[in-house]
Structures are given as C-alpha cells and as structure tokens.
Amino acid sequence: MSIKLENISKLYGNQFALKNVSMQINKGEVVGLLGPNGAGKSTLMKIICGYLPPSNGKAFVYGFDVEIDSEKTKSLIGYLPENNPLYLDMYVREYLQFVAKLYKIKNVDDEVNNSIQICGLKLEQNKKIGALSKGYKQRVGLAQALIHQPDVLILDEPTSGLDPNQLIEIRKLIKEVGKEKTVLLSSHIMQEVEAICSRVIILNKGEVVADDLTENLSKFIQRGEKILLELDESINGEEFTQLVGVLSAKLINPNTWEIQSNGEVDARQQLFEFAIKRGLNIRAMQKVENSLEQIFQEFTIQK
C-alpha cells in the first residue's frame, strides 16, 4: 500500500486536531479527503508529508516510517500545500530548476521540460511567477510537486480560488496524473471530488466518520427513497401520505411534489396506481439519489 496511518493523533495544547485516525490508501487510488473547516484535513496531510510530527501514532509511505525515514518518504511524495508558496520574483523555468536541484535530480533540464509539458506551462515558462494568473500559479505548484516523479501526490485544496475554466483545466490535469500515481486531495467542492475521486474519506472534529467508495456512501446513509413527481394539476398533498410506505409529501414547484418513502415498498408503483385511480396525468417521475453534498452534511452536521 502507498499510505498507511496507525492511530494518528495530534494535540495542540489540550485540543485534538486529529484523534486516533487510521487508514490505508493503495497504489493507484485517487482519494478525496473531505471535512468542514477545522476538521484536521491539512494537519493530516502535513503529517503524511513529514512537515508535522504526530503526537501519537505512526505514518508510513510505501512501508517507510515518516518520522524515522523522513528523507526517503519525502522523496516519494509530491506536495501542493493549500497556500501554494511560490517565489513570485523567479521565472517559471528558473523556479522549477531550483526545485529539481533541491531534490538532487540528475537530469534537471529533462525533468523540468517534462513537468512543463505535463502541466501546460510551455508558453508561460519564461514569465515571472508573480505575473501569472491564479490558474497558472496552481499549474506551477503542481509542476513542482511532480518534478521528481513521486509515487504519491498530496494536494491540499488544489482548485481553491480558480474560475470555472481554470477549475476544469486543473481537474483534468489531476485526473490525468492520477492514472499513474496515488493521489490524496482535499477539497470543499463536492462536484470536484465526485468527478475525480473513486473513494472518499470524511473527517469531522479530527476523526474519520466515513471511508468508502463514493457510490457506497450514498447507499450507506440512504433511508427510504425520495421521488420527484410532477402532475398535470394540483392536489391535496395529504392524499399522498395515505399511501402505503409514503412518509411525507412536500410541494416544491407548482404541481411538483417531493415524496419521501420508507423504502419498504416501491413508492413509484404506489404513485402510479394512485394517479390512475384519480384520473391524473403524470408528467414526470424521478428517483432522487443522494448527492455527495447531502452525504457530507449527513456525516458532519450535528443533529
């Protein structure tokens, strides 16, 4: 496996930033790390990268202890922090050459050219970093994370502050890179995680509250069925709740109802028979799946 955490805790004074976090991430996985602000996402990433020591527990990268074999584990990891610290007065190519030499890369120019090509920086390589747009600065940050061809890529809010076009470009880039590397990324953009990640880990108050494939999380919290029903005329919503298995009915648009069932019977069949009996025409009927945003709220909002 690429990353293994065993009972990782991090204390700041008397407050836990992380509490007994354990997980395994296998080679080739693209994993989304979700959680509200202050959940411990950045702290966890910094511990994996060796920038912060844990208060308790062990972190391993490809079997190497992050604290004992720090130089080795750092050589295996490419890291893009949330604030993307760059030398704004350096030129793009100059900066990447500088980073390559820090990693003691032998063929500096070859690796710089490769990172420039992969990250789409060819036209910007001779510009000062400070003159670049936010999107291209993020590309430079990704290029420096990839310069030494790491096996593990850790990205903390990689699309933060980007406009829609830049977001799509960076998302495509991460997805392409993820075909060959293990990727762990944090994000507040649910659509981004759904588009890129096959697995999701949710942190809340420093603890893992969910860890599964993206599609399995929806099944885990789903209780009954939610159905959108559009009729050709208005009716009294109380009539729906008299049907077997229907828990509630809420009017969300003229003649469109959100029906919640208990999942024990097929509510769609019940609604279809109800419409026939009442002489109503069904314009549309659709089962609504839980979105990742709804799942996130389910696991992190205190009821």
C-alpha atoms as a PDB file:
ATOM      1  CA  MET A   1       0.000   0.000   0.000  1.00  0.00           C
ATOM      2  CA  SER A   2       1.096   3.604  -0.614  1.00  0.00           C
ATOM      3  CA  ILE A   3      -0.044   5.250   2.632  1.00  0.00           C
ATOM      4  CA  LYS A   4      -0.771   3.672   5.994  1.00  0.00           C
ATOM      5  CA  LEU A   5      -1.779   5.552   9.147  1.00  0.00           C
ATOM      6  CA  GLU A   6      -1.995   3.842  12.525  1.00  0.00           C
ATOM      7  CA  ASN A   7      -3.891   5.638  15.307  1.00  0.00           C
ATOM      8  CA  ILE A   8      -2.592   9.098  14.380  1.00  0.00           C
ATOM      9  CA  SER A   9      -3.422  11.821  16.918  1.00  0.00           C
ATOM     10  CA  LYS A  10      -2.341  15.450  17.003  1.00  0.00           C
ATOM     11  CA  LEU A  11      -2.767  17.642  20.062  1.00  0.00           C
ATOM     12  CA  TYR A  12      -2.461  21.421  20.223  1.00  0.00           C
ATOM     13  CA  GLY A  13      -2.452  22.100  23.944  1.00  0.00           C
ATOM     14  CA  ASN A  14      -5.448  20.182  25.247  1.00  0.00           C
ATOM     15  CA  GLN A  15      -7.311  20.191  21.939  1.00  0.00           C
ATOM     16  CA  PHE A  16      -7.271  17.316  19.475  1.00  0.00           C
ATOM     17  CA  ALA A  17      -6.743  18.293  15.831  1.00  0.00           C
ATOM     18  CA  LEU A  18      -6.711  14.561  14.982  1.00  0.00           C
ATOM     19  CA  LYS A  19      -7.828  11.699  17.161  1.00  0.00           C
ATOM     20  CA  ASN A  20      -6.875   8.060  16.513  1.00  0.00           C
ATOM     21  CA  VAL A  21      -7.012   8.302  12.725  1.00  0.00           C
ATOM     22  CA  SER A  22      -6.245   5.059  10.897  1.00  0.00           C
ATOM     23  CA  MET A  23      -6.475   4.429   7.158  1.00  0.00           C
ATOM     24  CA  GLN A  24      -4.831   2.687   4.229  1.00  0.00           C
ATOM     25  CA  ILE A  25      -4.556   4.053   0.703  1.00  0.00           C
ATOM     26  CA  ASN A  26      -3.458   1.661  -2.025  1.00  0.00           C
ATOM     27  CA  LYS A  27      -1.280   2.339  -5.025  1.00  0.00           C
ATOM     28  CA  GLY A  28      -3.208   3.944  -7.892  1.00  0.00           C
ATOM     29  CA  GLU A  29      -6.140   5.185  -5.802  1.00  0.00           C
ATOM     30  CA  VAL A  30      -7.442   8.740  -6.133  1.00  0.00           C
ATOM     31  CA  VAL A  31      -8.918   9.586  -2.734  1.00  0.00           C
ATOM     32  CA  GLY A  32     -10.857  12.677  -1.732  1.00  0.00           C
ATOM     33  CA  LEU A  33     -10.394  13.961   1.809  1.00  0.00           C
ATOM     34  CA  LEU A  34     -13.456  15.920   2.924  1.00  0.00           C
ATOM     35  CA  GLY A  35     -14.436  17.695   6.098  1.00  0.00           C
ATOM     36  CA  PRO A  36     -15.607  21.075   7.424  1.00  0.00           C
ATOM     37  CA  ASN A  37     -13.103  23.789   8.297  1.00  0.00           C
ATOM     38  CA  GLY A  38     -11.037  22.722  11.293  1.00  0.00           C
ATOM     39  CA  ALA A  39     -11.720  19.007  10.748  1.00  0.00           C
ATOM     40  CA  GLY A  40      -7.993  18.218  10.552  1.00  0.00           C
ATOM     41  CA  LYS A  41      -7.512  17.699   6.799  1.00  0.00           C
ATOM     42  CA  SER A  42      -4.442  19.921   6.367  1.00  0.00           C
ATOM     43  CA  THR A  43      -2.931  18.644   9.614  1.00  0.00           C
ATOM     44  CA  LEU A  44      -3.301  15.065   8.391  1.00  0.00           C
ATOM     45  CA  MET A  45      -1.654  15.872   5.060  1.00  0.00           C
ATOM     46  CA  LYS A  46       1.252  17.641   6.755  1.00  0.00           C
ATOM     47  CA  ILE A  47       1.833  14.629   8.999  1.00  0.00           C
ATOM     48  CA  ILE A  48       1.925  12.293   5.983  1.00  0.00           C
ATOM     49  CA  CYS A  49       4.392  14.626   4.271  1.00  0.00           C
ATOM     50  CA  GLY A  50       6.591  14.813   7.359  1.00  0.00           C
ATOM     51  CA  TYR A  51       6.087  18.543   7.959  1.00  0.00           C
ATOM     52  CA  LEU A  52       4.353  17.956  11.305  1.00  0.00           C
ATOM     53  CA  PRO A  53       5.091  15.205  13.828  1.00  0.00           C
ATOM     54  CA  PRO A  54       2.093  13.334  15.245  1.00  0.00           C
ATOM     55  CA  SER A  55       1.502  13.425  18.987  1.00  0.00           C
ATOM     56  CA  ASN A  56       0.753   9.707  18.851  1.00  0.00           C
ATOM     57  CA  GLY A  57       0.615   7.001  16.208  1.00  0.00           C
ATOM     58  CA  LYS A  58       2.614   6.092  13.122  1.00  0.00           C
ATOM     59  CA  ALA A  59       2.510   7.136   9.461  1.00  0.00           C
ATOM     60  CA  PHE A  60       4.054   5.055   6.666  1.00  0.00           C
ATOM     61  CA  VAL A  61       4.645   5.754   2.962  1.00  0.00           C
ATOM     62  CA  TYR A  62       5.424   2.632   0.938  1.00  0.00           C
ATOM     63  CA  GLY A  63       6.398   0.922   4.187  1.00  0.00           C
ATOM     64  CA  PHE A  64       8.819   3.637   5.313  1.00  0.00           C
ATOM     65  CA  ASP A  65       8.195   5.349   8.651  1.00  0.00           C
ATOM     66  CA  VAL A  66       7.596   9.057   8.010  1.00  0.00           C
ATOM     67  CA  GLU A  67       9.468  10.090  11.180  1.00  0.00           C
ATOM     68  CA  ILE A  68      12.359   7.632  11.009  1.00  0.00           C
ATOM     69  CA  ASP A  69      12.870   7.586   7.213  1.00  0.00           C
ATOM     70  CA  SER A  70      11.843  11.187   6.559  1.00  0.00           C
ATOM     71  CA  GLU A  71      14.251  11.821   3.683  1.00  0.00           C
ATOM     72  CA  LYS A  72      13.100   8.685   1.870  1.00  0.00           C
ATOM     73  CA  THR A  73       9.392   9.346   2.354  1.00  0.00           C
ATOM     74  CA  LYS A  74       9.727  12.962   1.199  1.00  0.00           C
ATOM     75  CA  SER A  75      11.399  11.720  -1.983  1.00  0.00           C
ATOM     76  CA  LEU A  76       8.308   9.584  -2.656  1.00  0.00           C
ATOM     77  CA  ILE A  77       5.793  12.409  -2.127  1.00  0.00           C
ATOM     78  CA  GLY A  78       4.810  15.387  -4.234  1.00  0.00           C
ATOM     79  CA  TYR A  79       3.027  18.005  -2.110  1.00  0.00           C
ATOM     80  CA  LEU A  80       0.994  21.046  -3.064  1.00  0.00           C
ATOM     81  CA  PRO A  81       0.020  22.996   0.093  1.00  0.00           C
ATOM     82  CA  GLU A  82      -3.189  24.985   0.268  1.00  0.00           C
ATOM     83  CA  ASN A  83      -1.472  28.372   0.123  1.00  0.00           C
ATOM     84  CA  ASN A  84       0.862  27.265  -2.736  1.00  0.00           C
ATOM     85  CA  PRO A  85       4.020  29.085  -1.566  1.00  0.00           C
ATOM     86  CA  LEU A  86       5.928  30.201  -4.659  1.00  0.00           C
ATOM     87  CA  TYR A  87       8.862  32.556  -5.243  1.00  0.00           C
ATOM     88  CA  LEU A  88       6.985  35.234  -7.164  1.00  0.00           C
ATOM     89  CA  ASP A  89      10.135  37.031  -8.387  1.00  0.00           C
ATOM     90  CA  MET A  90      11.540  33.896 -10.005  1.00  0.00           C
ATOM     91  CA  TYR A  91      10.795  32.833 -13.569  1.00  0.00           C
ATOM     92  CA  VAL A  92       8.803  29.618 -14.033  1.00  0.00           C
ATOM     93  CA  ARG A  93      11.663  27.630 -15.559  1.00  0.00           C
ATOM     94  CA  GLU A  94      14.151  29.069 -13.090  1.00  0.00           C
ATOM     95  CA  TYR A  95      11.961  28.089 -10.146  1.00  0.00           C
ATOM     96  CA  LEU A  96      11.441  24.540 -11.398  1.00  0.00           C
ATOM     97  CA  GLN A  97      15.185  24.150 -11.931  1.00  0.00           C
ATOM     98  CA  PHE A  98      15.707  25.320  -8.357  1.00  0.00           C
ATOM     99  CA  VAL A  99      13.227  22.748  -7.003  1.00  0.00           C
ATOM    100  CA  ALA A 100      14.760  19.985  -9.135  1.00  0.00           C
ATOM    101  CA  LYS A 101      18.202  20.703  -7.674  1.00  0.00           C
ATOM    102  CA  LEU A 102      16.762  20.557  -4.134  1.00  0.00           C
ATOM    103  CA  TYR A 103      15.646  17.023  -4.935  1.00  0.00           C
ATOM    104  CA  LYS A 104      19.156  16.294  -6.312  1.00  0.00           C
ATOM    105  CA  ILE A 105      17.756  15.295  -9.687  1.00  0.00           C
ATOM    106  CA  LYS A 106      20.483  14.351 -12.147  1.00  0.00           C
ATOM    107  CA  ASN A 107      18.822  15.293 -15.430  1.00  0.00           C
ATOM    108  CA  VAL A 108      17.438  18.659 -14.311  1.00  0.00           C
ATOM    109  CA  ASP A 109      16.555  20.061 -17.741  1.00  0.00           C
ATOM    110  CA  ASP A 110      14.820  16.857 -18.833  1.00  0.00           C
ATOM    111  CA  GLU A 111      12.639  16.735 -15.729  1.00  0.00           C
ATOM    112  CA  VAL A 112      11.861  20.467 -15.909  1.00  0.00           C
ATOM    113  CA  ASN A 113      10.832  20.115 -19.544  1.00  0.00           C
ATOM    114  CA  ASN A 114       8.682  17.108 -18.662  1.00  0.00           C
ATOM    115  CA  SER A 115       6.862  18.950 -15.860  1.00  0.00           C
ATOM    116  CA  ILE A 116       6.349  22.000 -18.060  1.00  0.00           C
ATOM    117  CA  GLN A 117       4.854  19.794 -20.766  1.00  0.00           C
ATOM    118  CA  ILE A 118       2.571  17.831 -18.411  1.00  0.00           C
ATOM    119  CA  CYS A 119       1.272  20.957 -16.661  1.00  0.00           C
ATOM    120  CA  GLY A 120       0.761  23.028 -19.804  1.00  0.00           C
ATOM    121  CA  LEU A 121       3.319  25.721 -18.951  1.00  0.00           C
ATOM    122  CA  LYS A 122       5.216  25.859 -22.234  1.00  0.00           C
ATOM    123  CA  LEU A 123       4.006  29.349 -23.173  1.00  0.00           C
ATOM    124  CA  GLU A 124       4.488  30.655 -19.625  1.00  0.00           C
ATOM    125  CA  GLN A 125       7.885  29.131 -18.796  1.00  0.00           C
ATOM    126  CA  ASN A 126       9.842  32.341 -19.331  1.00  0.00           C
ATOM    127  CA  LYS A 127       7.474  34.552 -17.345  1.00  0.00           C
ATOM    128  CA  LYS A 128       7.849  35.622 -13.743  1.00  0.00           C
ATOM    129  CA  ILE A 129       5.605  33.609 -11.448  1.00  0.00           C
ATOM    130  CA  GLY A 130       4.197  36.806  -9.937  1.00  0.00           C
ATOM    131  CA  ALA A 131       2.858  37.816 -13.358  1.00  0.00           C
ATOM    132  CA  LEU A 132       0.852  34.620 -13.829  1.00  0.00           C
ATOM    133  CA  SER A 133      -2.885  34.147 -13.288  1.00  0.00           C
ATOM    134  CA  LYS A 134      -4.096  32.116 -10.299  1.00  0.00           C
ATOM    135  CA  GLY A 135      -4.721  29.149 -12.580  1.00  0.00           C
ATOM    136  CA  TYR A 136      -1.188  29.147 -13.948  1.00  0.00           C
ATOM    137  CA  LYS A 137       0.282  29.609 -10.477  1.00  0.00           C
ATOM    138  CA  GLN A 138      -1.565  26.436  -9.481  1.00  0.00           C
ATOM    139  CA  ARG A 139      -0.042  24.727 -12.505  1.00  0.00           C
ATOM    140  CA  VAL A 140       3.420  25.807 -11.341  1.00  0.00           C
ATOM    141  CA  GLY A 141       2.599  24.402  -7.900  1.00  0.00           C
ATOM    142  CA  LEU A 142       1.610  21.091  -9.483  1.00  0.00           C
ATOM    143  CA  ALA A 143       4.734  21.125 -11.650  1.00  0.00           C
ATOM    144  CA  GLN A 144       6.993  21.473  -8.603  1.00  0.00           C
ATOM    145  CA  ALA A 145       5.099  18.658  -6.887  1.00  0.00           C
ATOM    146  CA  LEU A 146       5.660  16.420  -9.921  1.00  0.00           C
ATOM    147  CA  ILE A 147       9.247  17.451 -10.765  1.00  0.00           C
ATOM    148  CA  HIS A 148      10.882  14.463  -9.041  1.00  0.00           C
ATOM    149  CA  GLN A 149       8.320  11.966 -10.389  1.00  0.00           C
ATOM    150  CA  PRO A 150       6.856  10.997  -6.980  1.00  0.00           C
ATOM    151  CA  ASP A 151       4.750   7.895  -6.427  1.00  0.00           C
ATOM    152  CA  VAL A 152       2.333   9.757  -4.124  1.00  0.00           C
ATOM    153  CA  LEU A 153       0.734  13.131  -4.843  1.00  0.00           C
ATOM    154  CA  ILE A 154      -0.854  15.074  -1.968  1.00  0.00           C
ATOM    155  CA  LEU A 155      -2.907  18.128  -2.930  1.00  0.00           C
ATOM    156  CA  ASP A 156      -4.454  20.459  -0.355  1.00  0.00           C
ATOM    157  CA  GLU A 157      -7.334  22.439  -1.928  1.00  0.00           C
ATOM    158  CA  PRO A 158      -5.707  22.388  -5.407  1.00  0.00           C
ATOM    159  CA  THR A 159      -8.516  24.333  -7.122  1.00  0.00           C
ATOM    160  CA  SER A 160      -9.169  26.931  -4.423  1.00  0.00           C
ATOM    161  CA  GLY A 161      -9.898  30.378  -5.896  1.00  0.00           C
ATOM    162  CA  LEU A 162      -9.952  29.294  -9.537  1.00  0.00           C
ATOM    163  CA  ASP A 163     -12.552  30.469 -12.045  1.00  0.00           C
ATOM    164  CA  PRO A 164     -14.732  27.790 -13.751  1.00  0.00           C
ATOM    165  CA  ASN A 165     -12.455  27.463 -16.800  1.00  0.00           C
ATOM    166  CA  GLN A 166      -9.302  27.171 -14.693  1.00  0.00           C
ATOM    167  CA  LEU A 167     -11.041  24.682 -12.409  1.00  0.00           C
ATOM    168  CA  ILE A 168     -11.894  22.405 -15.343  1.00  0.00           C
ATOM    169  CA  GLU A 169      -8.316  22.568 -16.652  1.00  0.00           C
ATOM    170  CA  ILE A 170      -6.716  21.726 -13.292  1.00  0.00           C
ATOM    171  CA  ARG A 171      -9.287  18.994 -12.671  1.00  0.00           C
ATOM    172  CA  LYS A 172      -8.405  17.357 -15.997  1.00  0.00           C
ATOM    173  CA  LEU A 173      -4.718  17.612 -15.175  1.00  0.00           C
ATOM    174  CA  ILE A 174      -5.147  15.958 -11.762  1.00  0.00           C
ATOM    175  CA  LYS A 175      -7.278  13.196 -13.261  1.00  0.00           C
ATOM    176  CA  GLU A 176      -4.643  12.502 -15.907  1.00  0.00           C
ATOM    177  CA  VAL A 177      -1.811  12.448 -13.365  1.00  0.00           C
ATOM    178  CA  GLY A 178      -3.901  10.181 -11.132  1.00  0.00           C
ATOM    179  CA  LYS A 179      -3.792   7.396 -13.721  1.00  0.00           C
ATOM    180  CA  GLU A 180      -0.195   6.634 -12.751  1.00  0.00           C
ATOM    181  CA  LYS A 181       0.109   7.844  -9.145  1.00  0.00           C
ATOM    182  CA  THR A 182      -1.588   7.578  -5.773  1.00  0.00           C
ATOM    183  CA  VAL A 183      -3.430  10.860  -5.184  1.00  0.00           C
ATOM    184  CA  LEU A 184      -4.851  12.230  -1.934  1.00  0.00           C
ATOM    185  CA  LEU A 185      -6.620  15.562  -2.324  1.00  0.00           C
ATOM    186  CA  SER A 186      -8.750  17.739  -0.093  1.00  0.00           C
ATOM    187  CA  SER A 187     -11.497  19.956  -1.429  1.00  0.00           C
ATOM    188  CA  HIS A 188     -14.665  21.793  -0.453  1.00  0.00           C
ATOM    189  CA  ILE A 189     -16.076  21.377  -3.968  1.00  0.00           C
ATOM    190  CA  MET A 190     -18.266  18.285  -3.917  1.00  0.00           C
ATOM    191  CA  GLN A 191     -18.627  18.079  -7.705  1.00  0.00           C
ATOM    192  CA  GLU A 192     -14.857  18.064  -7.989  1.00  0.00           C
ATOM    193  CA  VAL A 193     -14.474  15.092  -5.664  1.00  0.00           C
ATOM    194  CA  GLU A 194     -17.261  13.207  -7.444  1.00  0.00           C
ATOM    195  CA  ALA A 195     -15.592  13.887 -10.815  1.00  0.00           C
ATOM    196  CA  ILE A 196     -12.053  12.922  -9.787  1.00  0.00           C
ATOM    197  CA  CYS A 197     -12.138  10.530  -6.827  1.00  0.00           C
ATOM    198  CA  SER A 198     -13.255   6.921  -6.646  1.00  0.00           C
ATOM    199  CA  ARG A 199     -13.035   6.874  -2.852  1.00  0.00           C
ATOM    200  CA  VAL A 200     -13.956   9.427  -0.192  1.00  0.00           C
ATOM    201  CA  ILE A 201     -12.748   9.825   3.386  1.00  0.00           C
ATOM    202  CA  ILE A 202     -14.694  12.275   5.558  1.00  0.00           C
ATOM    203  CA  LEU A 203     -13.152  13.831   8.659  1.00  0.00           C
ATOM    204  CA  ASN A 204     -15.168  15.578  11.350  1.00  0.00           C
ATOM    205  CA  LYS A 205     -13.649  17.036  14.527  1.00  0.00           C
ATOM    206  CA  GLY A 206     -10.411  15.173  13.903  1.00  0.00           C
ATOM    207  CA  GLU A 207     -11.963  11.723  13.475  1.00  0.00           C
ATOM    208  CA  VAL A 208     -12.775   9.594  10.435  1.00  0.00           C
ATOM    209  CA  VAL A 209     -16.571   9.416  10.205  1.00  0.00           C
ATOM    210  CA  ALA A 210     -16.806   7.792   6.756  1.00  0.00           C
ATOM    211  CA  ASP A 211     -14.441   5.923   4.436  1.00  0.00           C
ATOM    212  CA  ASP A 212     -15.766   4.133   1.369  1.00  0.00           C
ATOM    213  CA  LEU A 213     -16.160   4.198  -2.383  1.00  0.00           C
ATOM    214  CA  THR A 214     -18.104   7.273  -3.482  1.00  0.00           C
ATOM    215  CA  GLU A 215     -21.151   5.315  -4.668  1.00  0.00           C
ATOM    216  CA  ASN A 216     -21.252   3.245  -1.471  1.00  0.00           C
ATOM    217  CA  LEU A 217     -21.507   6.320   0.753  1.00  0.00           C
ATOM    218  CA  SER A 218     -24.838   7.190  -0.813  1.00  0.00           C
ATOM    219  CA  LYS A 219     -26.208   3.721  -0.076  1.00  0.00           C
ATOM    220  CA  PHE A 220     -24.879   3.875   3.471  1.00  0.00           C
ATOM    221  CA  ILE A 221     -26.949   6.892   4.508  1.00  0.00           C
ATOM    222  CA  GLN A 222     -29.927   6.366   2.267  1.00  0.00           C
ATOM    223  CA  ARG A 223     -33.066   5.800   4.275  1.00  0.00           C
ATOM    224  CA  GLY A 224     -36.006   5.024   2.042  1.00  0.00           C
ATOM    225  CA  GLU A 225     -36.498   6.717  -1.306  1.00  0.00           C
ATOM    226  CA  LYS A 226     -37.007  10.293  -2.401  1.00  0.00           C
ATOM    227  CA  ILE A 227     -39.083  10.757  -5.543  1.00  0.00           C
ATOM    228  CA  LEU A 228     -39.931  13.856  -7.558  1.00  0.00           C
ATOM    229  CA  LEU A 229     -43.431  13.634  -9.007  1.00  0.00           C
ATOM    230  CA  GLU A 230     -44.898  16.174 -11.461  1.00  0.00           C
ATOM    231  CA  LEU A 231     -48.630  16.024 -12.152  1.00  0.00           C
ATOM    232  CA  ASP A 232     -50.798  17.911 -14.636  1.00  0.00           C
ATOM    233  CA  GLU A 233     -52.905  19.523 -11.907  1.00  0.00           C
ATOM    234  CA  SER A 234     -52.743  20.459  -8.236  1.00  0.00           C
ATOM    235  CA  ILE A 235     -53.977  18.140  -5.491  1.00  0.00           C
ATOM    236  CA  ASN A 236     -54.015  17.994  -1.708  1.00  0.00           C
ATOM    237  CA  GLY A 237     -50.665  16.647  -0.534  1.00  0.00           C
ATOM    238  CA  GLU A 238     -52.256  14.837   2.398  1.00  0.00           C
ATOM    239  CA  GLU A 239     -53.597  12.291  -0.086  1.00  0.00           C
ATOM    240  CA  PHE A 240     -50.038  11.034  -0.721  1.00  0.00           C
ATOM    241  CA  THR A 241     -49.401  10.244   2.940  1.00  0.00           C
ATOM    242  CA  GLN A 242     -52.378   7.891   2.954  1.00  0.00           C
ATOM    243  CA  LEU A 243     -50.500   5.606   0.549  1.00  0.00           C
ATOM    244  CA  VAL A 244     -48.663   2.609   1.981  1.00  0.00           C
ATOM    245  CA  GLY A 245     -44.996   3.404   2.595  1.00  0.00           C
ATOM    246  CA  VAL A 246     -45.203   7.175   1.925  1.00  0.00           C
ATOM    247  CA  LEU A 247     -43.830   9.166   4.847  1.00  0.00           C
ATOM    248  CA  SER A 248     -44.203  12.751   3.603  1.00  0.00           C
ATOM    249  CA  ALA A 249     -45.009  14.916   0.601  1.00  0.00           C
ATOM    250  CA  LYS A 250     -43.684  18.427   0.022  1.00  0.00           C
ATOM    251  CA  LEU A 251     -44.749  20.791  -2.773  1.00  0.00           C
ATOM    252  CA  ILE A 252     -41.546  22.240  -4.273  1.00  0.00           C
ATOM    253  CA  ASN A 253     -42.955  23.729  -7.504  1.00  0.00           C
ATOM    254  CA  PRO A 254     -46.459  24.154  -8.903  1.00  0.00           C
ATOM    255  CA  ASN A 255     -47.777  20.578  -9.322  1.00  0.00           C
ATOM    256  CA  THR A 256     -44.350  19.075  -8.444  1.00  0.00           C
ATOM    257  CA  TRP A 257     -44.043  17.069  -5.257  1.00  0.00           C
ATOM    258  CA  GLU A 258     -41.092  15.674  -3.343  1.00  0.00           C
ATOM    259  CA  ILE A 259     -42.218  12.314  -1.976  1.00  0.00           C
ATOM    260  CA  GLN A 260     -40.308  10.568   0.815  1.00  0.00           C
ATOM    261  CA  SER A 261     -40.981   6.845   1.298  1.00  0.00           C
ATOM    262  CA  ASN A 262     -39.742   4.315   3.839  1.00  0.00           C
ATOM    263  CA  GLY A 263     -38.213   2.133   1.113  1.00  0.00           C
ATOM    264  CA  GLU A 264     -40.167  -0.966   2.220  1.00  0.00           C
ATOM    265  CA  VAL A 265     -42.436  -0.871  -0.837  1.00  0.00           C
ATOM    266  CA  ASP A 266     -41.962   0.508  -4.340  1.00  0.00           C
ATOM    267  CA  ALA A 267     -43.347   4.022  -3.906  1.00  0.00           C
ATOM    268  CA  ARG A 268     -43.276   4.639  -7.641  1.00  0.00           C
ATOM    269  CA  GLN A 269     -45.753   1.818  -8.214  1.00  0.00           C
ATOM    270  CA  GLN A 270     -47.964   3.200  -5.457  1.00  0.00           C
ATOM    271  CA  LEU A 271     -47.901   6.674  -7.004  1.00  0.00           C
ATOM    272  CA  PHE A 272     -48.587   5.345 -10.491  1.00  0.00           C
ATOM    273  CA  GLU A 273     -51.668   3.419  -9.312  1.00  0.00           C
ATOM    274  CA  PHE A 274     -52.822   6.450  -7.303  1.00  0.00           C
ATOM    275  CA  ALA A 275     -52.653   8.672 -10.423  1.00  0.00           C
ATOM    276  CA  ILE A 276     -54.654   6.164 -12.492  1.00  0.00           C
ATOM    277  CA  LYS A 277     -57.330   5.896  -9.822  1.00  0.00           C
ATOM    278  CA  ARG A 278     -57.620   9.709  -9.591  1.00  0.00           C
ATOM    279  CA  GLY A 279     -57.502  10.223 -13.371  1.00  0.00           C
ATOM    280  CA  LEU A 280     -54.306  12.281 -13.117  1.00  0.00           C
ATOM    281  CA  ASN A 281     -51.601  12.522 -15.762  1.00  0.00           C
ATOM    282  CA  ILE A 282     -48.001  12.063 -14.611  1.00  0.00           C
ATOM    283  CA  ARG A 283     -45.720  14.449 -16.465  1.00  0.00           C
ATOM    284  CA  ALA A 284     -42.537  13.199 -14.806  1.00  0.00           C
ATOM    285  CA  MET A 285     -41.440  10.869 -12.022  1.00  0.00           C
ATOM    286  CA  GLN A 286     -37.821  10.545 -10.938  1.00  0.00           C
ATOM    287  CA  LYS A 287     -35.989   8.855  -8.082  1.00  0.00           C
ATOM    288  CA  VAL A 288     -33.519  11.256  -6.471  1.00  0.00           C
ATOM    289  CA  GLU A 289     -30.112   9.911  -5.425  1.00  0.00           C
ATOM    290  CA  ASN A 290     -28.249  11.417  -2.501  1.00  0.00           C
ATOM    291  CA  SER A 291     -25.623  13.886  -3.700  1.00  0.00           C
ATOM    292  CA  LEU A 292     -22.154  13.940  -2.149  1.00  0.00           C
ATOM    293  CA  GLU A 293     -23.107  17.291  -0.624  1.00  0.00           C
ATOM    294  CA  GLN A 294     -26.056  15.697   1.171  1.00  0.00           C
ATOM    295  CA  ILE A 295     -23.825  12.842   2.312  1.00  0.00           C
ATOM    296  CA  PHE A 296     -21.245  15.326   3.622  1.00  0.00           C
ATOM    297  CA  GLN A 297     -23.915  17.141   5.631  1.00  0.00           C
ATOM    298  CA  GLU A 298     -25.268  13.858   6.982  1.00  0.00           C
ATOM    299  CA  PHE A 299     -21.886  12.922   8.423  1.00  0.00           C
ATOM    300  CA  THR A 300     -20.722  16.327   9.675  1.00  0.00           C
ATOM    301  CA  ILE A 301     -23.754  18.371  10.820  1.00  0.00           C
ATOM    302  CA  GLN A 302     -24.823  17.742  14.384  1.00  0.00           C
ATOM    303  CA  LYS A 303     -28.482  16.772  14.544  1.00  0.00           C
END
